[in-house]
Amino acid sequence: MKENKSGGNLRFWLKAGLIVLLAAGAYLIGASYLRQFVSLADVQDYIASYGPLAPLVFIAIYAFAPLFPASAMTVLSGVLFGPFWGLLYSWIGACLSMTYPFWLTRFLGQKPFEKLLSRSGGLEDRVERFQCNVEKQGWKFVAFCRLMPILSFTMLNYLFGLTRISFRSYFLASMVFIIPGTAVYAYAGFAGREATAGASGLYLKLSLAVVALALLALLPRLIRLIRKDKGDTGCDTKNNDKQ
């Protein structure tokens, strides 16, 4: 038994060491870029400088160099490419960025993360409740989370890897239900660009952007009300522990 435990620990530390090396490399690369890209305006100029290749550069930065929040990058897509192409390029980048964090946590397994969470106080209960909701609702809970802009897009990619949901269900639900938020942020970026340029029909475009952002902000509350009406209150880890 001891040999098995030591072997398991060795495998874990080898995996953890590999992740640390990859993370350190990503950080060094990111730090070197940050010296050049002090702000999103710098990122915008850098991407635009690639001309016809700008969409590919944008997608690569969005997917593999998450130096800025996903929402900020999506707004930038609207500034650079307009509402339609901005939506498309952001959607592709987001779909790519949803894959490797999920498999990273699956690669390490649940036990290392459970050990870390056990030392983090209330965070452990929240993650347990999150896992319980995924167990009960499957892809529907993935859709719910993707429609709620108050939840961190990047953090969700890791958290879903800690659950038993299949990658297929996770990925298909995610790629469909990120579209509304992506479309709204891309259009907001486009409307901001038009406002700066003083384009025609400015008030209509700005009004549409404000309404879309307001609806997106109200969406989580609406979804919660619908779930309550259906009697779906989610998981309560405290109650589950008592049963």
Protein backbone atom coordinates (compact mmCIF):
# COMPACT_ATOMS: atom_id res chain seq x y z
CA MET A 1 0.00 0.00 0.00
CA LYS A 2 2.78 2.41 0.81
CA GLU A 3 4.40 1.80 -2.54
CA ASN A 4 1.16 2.57 -4.33
CA LYS A 5 0.75 5.76 -2.36
CA SER A 6 4.30 6.85 -3.05
CA GLY A 7 3.87 6.01 -6.71
CA GLY A 8 0.67 8.02 -6.84
CA ASN A 9 2.33 10.94 -5.11
CA LEU A 10 5.24 10.77 -7.54
CA ARG A 11 2.91 10.87 -10.52
CA PHE A 12 1.05 13.80 -9.03
CA TRP A 13 4.24 15.79 -8.41
CA LEU A 14 5.47 15.04 -11.92
CA LYS A 15 2.21 16.33 -13.32
CA ALA A 16 2.24 19.34 -11.01
CA GLY A 17 5.83 20.11 -11.95
CA LEU A 18 4.96 19.99 -15.63
CA ILE A 19 2.05 22.37 -15.08
CA VAL A 20 4.25 24.76 -13.10
CA LEU A 21 6.81 24.81 -15.91
CA LEU A 22 4.13 25.47 -18.52
CA ALA A 23 2.56 28.17 -16.35
CA ALA A 24 5.93 29.81 -15.75
CA GLY A 25 6.65 29.81 -19.47
CA ALA A 26 3.25 31.31 -20.22
CA TYR A 27 3.83 33.96 -17.55
CA LEU A 28 7.23 34.92 -18.96
CA ILE A 29 5.80 35.18 -22.45
CA GLY A 30 2.87 37.19 -21.11
CA ALA A 31 5.15 39.49 -19.15
CA SER A 32 7.23 40.22 -22.24
CA TYR A 33 4.09 41.13 -24.14
CA LEU A 34 2.80 43.27 -21.30
CA ARG A 35 5.91 45.42 -21.53
CA GLN A 36 4.74 46.34 -25.04
CA PHE A 37 0.98 46.21 -24.48
CA VAL A 38 0.39 48.57 -21.62
CA SER A 39 -3.28 48.98 -22.50
CA LEU A 40 -5.96 47.63 -24.78
CA ALA A 41 -5.24 50.54 -27.12
CA ASP A 42 -1.74 49.15 -27.60
CA VAL A 43 -3.17 45.69 -28.27
CA GLN A 44 -5.54 47.23 -30.79
CA ASP A 45 -2.72 48.96 -32.66
CA TYR A 46 -0.61 45.80 -32.59
CA ILE A 47 -3.37 43.60 -34.01
CA ALA A 48 -4.36 46.16 -36.65
CA SER A 49 -0.74 46.38 -37.82
CA TYR A 50 -1.00 42.83 -39.20
CA GLY A 51 -3.49 43.92 -41.86
CA PRO A 52 -5.17 40.87 -43.47
CA LEU A 53 -3.73 38.61 -40.77
CA ALA A 54 -5.23 40.69 -37.96
CA PRO A 55 -8.15 38.28 -37.37
CA LEU A 56 -5.76 35.35 -36.86
CA VAL A 57 -3.59 37.38 -34.50
CA PHE A 58 -6.65 38.47 -32.53
CA ILE A 59 -7.93 34.89 -32.22
CA ALA A 60 -4.51 33.65 -31.10
CA ILE A 61 -4.21 36.34 -28.41
CA TYR A 62 -7.78 35.76 -27.23
CA ALA A 63 -7.34 31.99 -27.04
CA PHE A 64 -3.78 31.45 -25.83
CA ALA A 65 -2.64 34.67 -24.17
CA PRO A 66 -5.41 35.66 -21.75
CA LEU A 67 -3.70 38.84 -20.57
CA PHE A 68 -6.97 40.76 -20.53
CA PRO A 69 -10.51 39.77 -19.48
CA ALA A 70 -12.54 37.97 -22.14
CA SER A 71 -15.20 40.71 -22.06
CA ALA A 72 -12.59 43.40 -22.78
CA MET A 73 -11.19 41.41 -25.71
CA THR A 74 -14.69 40.92 -27.08
CA VAL A 75 -15.37 44.66 -26.91
CA LEU A 76 -12.08 45.19 -28.72
CA SER A 77 -13.21 42.80 -31.47
CA GLY A 78 -16.16 45.06 -32.17
CA VAL A 79 -13.85 48.05 -32.37
CA LEU A 80 -11.49 46.31 -34.78
CA PHE A 81 -13.79 44.23 -36.95
CA GLY A 82 -17.35 45.45 -36.47
CA PRO A 83 -20.31 43.66 -34.85
CA PHE A 84 -20.56 40.60 -37.11
CA TRP A 85 -16.90 39.71 -37.68
CA GLY A 86 -16.06 40.78 -34.14
CA LEU A 87 -18.64 38.32 -32.86
CA LEU A 88 -17.27 35.55 -35.07
CA TYR A 89 -13.59 36.05 -34.21
CA SER A 90 -14.30 36.41 -30.49
CA TRP A 91 -16.47 33.29 -30.56
CA ILE A 92 -13.70 31.27 -32.22
CA GLY A 93 -11.12 32.55 -29.73
CA ALA A 94 -13.43 31.82 -26.80
CA CYS A 95 -14.15 28.29 -28.04
CA LEU A 96 -10.42 27.58 -28.27
CA SER A 97 -9.78 29.07 -24.83
CA MET A 98 -12.41 26.77 -23.28
CA THR A 99 -10.57 23.57 -24.19
CA TYR A 100 -7.16 23.43 -22.52
CA PRO A 101 -8.16 24.68 -19.01
CA PHE A 102 -10.83 21.96 -18.91
CA TRP A 103 -8.35 19.25 -19.87
CA LEU A 104 -5.72 20.69 -17.56
CA THR A 105 -7.86 20.07 -14.50
CA ARG A 106 -8.87 16.67 -15.87
CA PHE A 107 -5.18 15.86 -16.37
CA LEU A 108 -4.28 16.69 -12.77
CA GLY A 109 -7.44 15.10 -11.39
CA GLN A 110 -9.78 16.19 -8.62
CA LYS A 111 -7.81 15.14 -5.54
CA PRO A 112 -5.04 17.79 -5.75
CA PHE A 113 -7.62 20.53 -6.15
CA GLU A 114 -9.76 19.14 -3.36
CA LYS A 115 -6.72 19.29 -1.04
CA LEU A 116 -6.13 22.91 -1.97
CA LEU A 117 -9.79 23.81 -1.59
CA SER A 118 -9.97 22.16 1.85
CA ARG A 119 -7.55 24.84 3.06
CA SER A 120 -9.46 27.72 1.54
CA GLY A 121 -12.44 27.91 3.90
CA GLY A 122 -15.75 28.83 2.28
CA LEU A 123 -14.44 28.33 -1.25
CA GLU A 124 -14.62 24.56 -0.80
CA ASP A 125 -18.38 24.73 -0.10
CA ARG A 126 -18.95 26.86 -3.18
CA VAL A 127 -17.08 24.44 -5.42
CA GLU A 128 -18.98 21.48 -3.93
CA ARG A 129 -22.25 23.28 -4.61
CA PHE A 130 -21.05 24.00 -8.15
CA GLN A 131 -20.20 20.32 -8.71
CA CYS A 132 -23.56 19.26 -7.31
CA ASN A 133 -25.41 21.56 -9.71
CA VAL A 134 -23.48 20.14 -12.65
CA GLU A 135 -24.33 16.59 -11.50
CA LYS A 136 -28.05 17.45 -11.26
CA GLN A 137 -28.50 19.58 -14.37
CA GLY A 138 -25.66 18.72 -16.75
CA TRP A 139 -25.47 20.88 -19.86
CA LYS A 140 -28.34 23.06 -18.60
CA PHE A 141 -26.18 24.33 -15.76
CA VAL A 142 -23.33 24.96 -18.22
CA ALA A 143 -25.74 27.06 -20.27
CA PHE A 144 -26.90 28.91 -17.16
CA CYS A 145 -23.32 29.78 -16.20
CA ARG A 146 -22.39 30.92 -19.70
CA LEU A 147 -25.40 33.22 -19.86
CA MET A 148 -24.44 34.89 -16.58
CA PRO A 149 -21.79 37.56 -17.29
CA ILE A 150 -21.11 38.03 -13.56
CA LEU A 151 -19.21 34.72 -13.48
CA SER A 152 -15.59 34.62 -14.60
CA PHE A 153 -15.34 33.07 -18.05
CA THR A 154 -11.81 31.78 -17.47
CA MET A 155 -12.50 30.39 -14.00
CA LEU A 156 -15.47 28.43 -15.32
CA ASN A 157 -13.23 26.69 -17.85
CA TYR A 158 -11.21 25.25 -14.98
CA LEU A 159 -14.12 24.54 -12.65
CA PHE A 160 -16.02 22.45 -15.18
CA GLY A 161 -12.95 20.25 -15.53
CA LEU A 162 -13.37 19.32 -11.85
CA THR A 163 -16.81 17.87 -12.50
CA ARG A 164 -17.90 14.62 -14.15
CA ILE A 165 -19.59 16.29 -17.09
CA SER A 166 -18.45 15.03 -20.48
CA PHE A 167 -16.31 17.32 -22.58
CA ARG A 168 -18.84 17.05 -25.39
CA SER A 169 -21.74 18.31 -23.25
CA TYR A 170 -19.58 21.02 -21.68
CA PHE A 171 -18.17 22.26 -24.97
CA LEU A 172 -21.35 22.18 -27.06
CA ALA A 173 -23.41 23.98 -24.39
CA SER A 174 -20.64 26.53 -23.88
CA MET A 175 -20.11 27.30 -27.55
CA VAL A 176 -23.84 27.92 -28.07
CA PHE A 177 -24.66 29.90 -24.93
CA ILE A 178 -21.69 32.27 -25.03
CA ILE A 179 -23.10 33.72 -28.25
CA PRO A 180 -25.56 36.22 -26.67
CA GLY A 181 -22.98 37.81 -24.38
CA THR A 182 -20.34 37.79 -27.10
CA ALA A 183 -22.70 39.49 -29.54
CA VAL A 184 -23.62 42.20 -27.02
CA TYR A 185 -20.03 43.05 -26.10
CA ALA A 186 -18.90 43.05 -29.73
CA TYR A 187 -21.72 45.41 -30.66
CA ALA A 188 -20.88 47.65 -27.70
CA GLY A 189 -17.33 47.94 -29.00
CA PHE A 190 -18.61 48.75 -32.48
CA ALA A 191 -20.99 51.42 -31.12
CA GLY A 192 -18.15 52.97 -29.14
CA ARG A 193 -16.00 53.14 -32.26
CA GLU A 194 -18.83 54.77 -34.20
CA ALA A 195 -19.35 57.30 -31.42
CA THR A 196 -15.69 58.25 -31.49
CA ALA A 197 -15.77 58.62 -35.27
CA GLY A 198 -19.01 60.64 -35.22
CA ALA A 199 -20.72 58.30 -37.70
CA SER A 200 -24.29 58.71 -38.90
CA GLY A 201 -27.11 57.04 -36.98
CA LEU A 202 -25.05 57.39 -33.83
CA TYR A 203 -27.92 57.75 -31.36
CA LEU A 204 -29.66 54.62 -32.64
CA LYS A 205 -26.47 52.55 -32.42
CA LEU A 206 -25.67 53.79 -28.92
CA SER A 207 -29.26 53.20 -27.80
CA LEU A 208 -29.17 49.64 -29.10
CA ALA A 209 -25.87 49.05 -27.29
CA VAL A 210 -27.21 50.42 -24.00
CA VAL A 211 -30.41 48.35 -24.25
CA ALA A 212 -28.45 45.19 -25.11
CA LEU A 213 -26.08 45.68 -22.16
CA ALA A 214 -29.02 46.35 -19.82
CA LEU A 215 -30.79 43.17 -20.96
CA LEU A 216 -27.60 41.20 -20.51
CA ALA A 217 -27.21 42.56 -16.99
CA LEU A 218 -30.82 41.62 -16.15
CA LEU A 219 -30.54 38.15 -17.66
CA PRO A 220 -29.13 36.44 -14.53
CA ARG A 221 -32.02 37.71 -12.38
CA LEU A 222 -34.55 36.59 -15.00
CA ILE A 223 -33.01 33.12 -15.15
CA ARG A 224 -33.07 32.85 -11.36
CA LEU A 225 -36.76 33.78 -11.29
CA ILE A 226 -37.56 31.15 -13.92
CA ARG A 227 -35.64 28.50 -12.01
CA LYS A 228 -37.46 29.39 -8.77
CA ASP A 229 -40.85 29.19 -10.51
CA LYS A 230 -39.95 25.69 -11.66
CA GLY A 231 -38.91 24.75 -8.14
CA ASP A 232 -35.24 24.35 -9.07
CA THR A 233 -33.30 25.98 -6.25
CA GLY A 234 -30.04 24.26 -7.05
CA CYS A 235 -27.83 22.42 -4.57
CA ASP A 236 -27.37 23.23 -0.90
CA THR A 237 -24.24 21.47 0.35
CA LYS A 238 -25.18 22.04 3.98
CA ASN A 239 -28.49 20.28 3.54
CA ASN A 240 -26.87 17.51 1.57
CA ASP A 241 -24.37 16.91 4.36
CA LYS A 242 -27.16 16.56 6.92
CA GLN A 243 -29.04 13.95 4.91
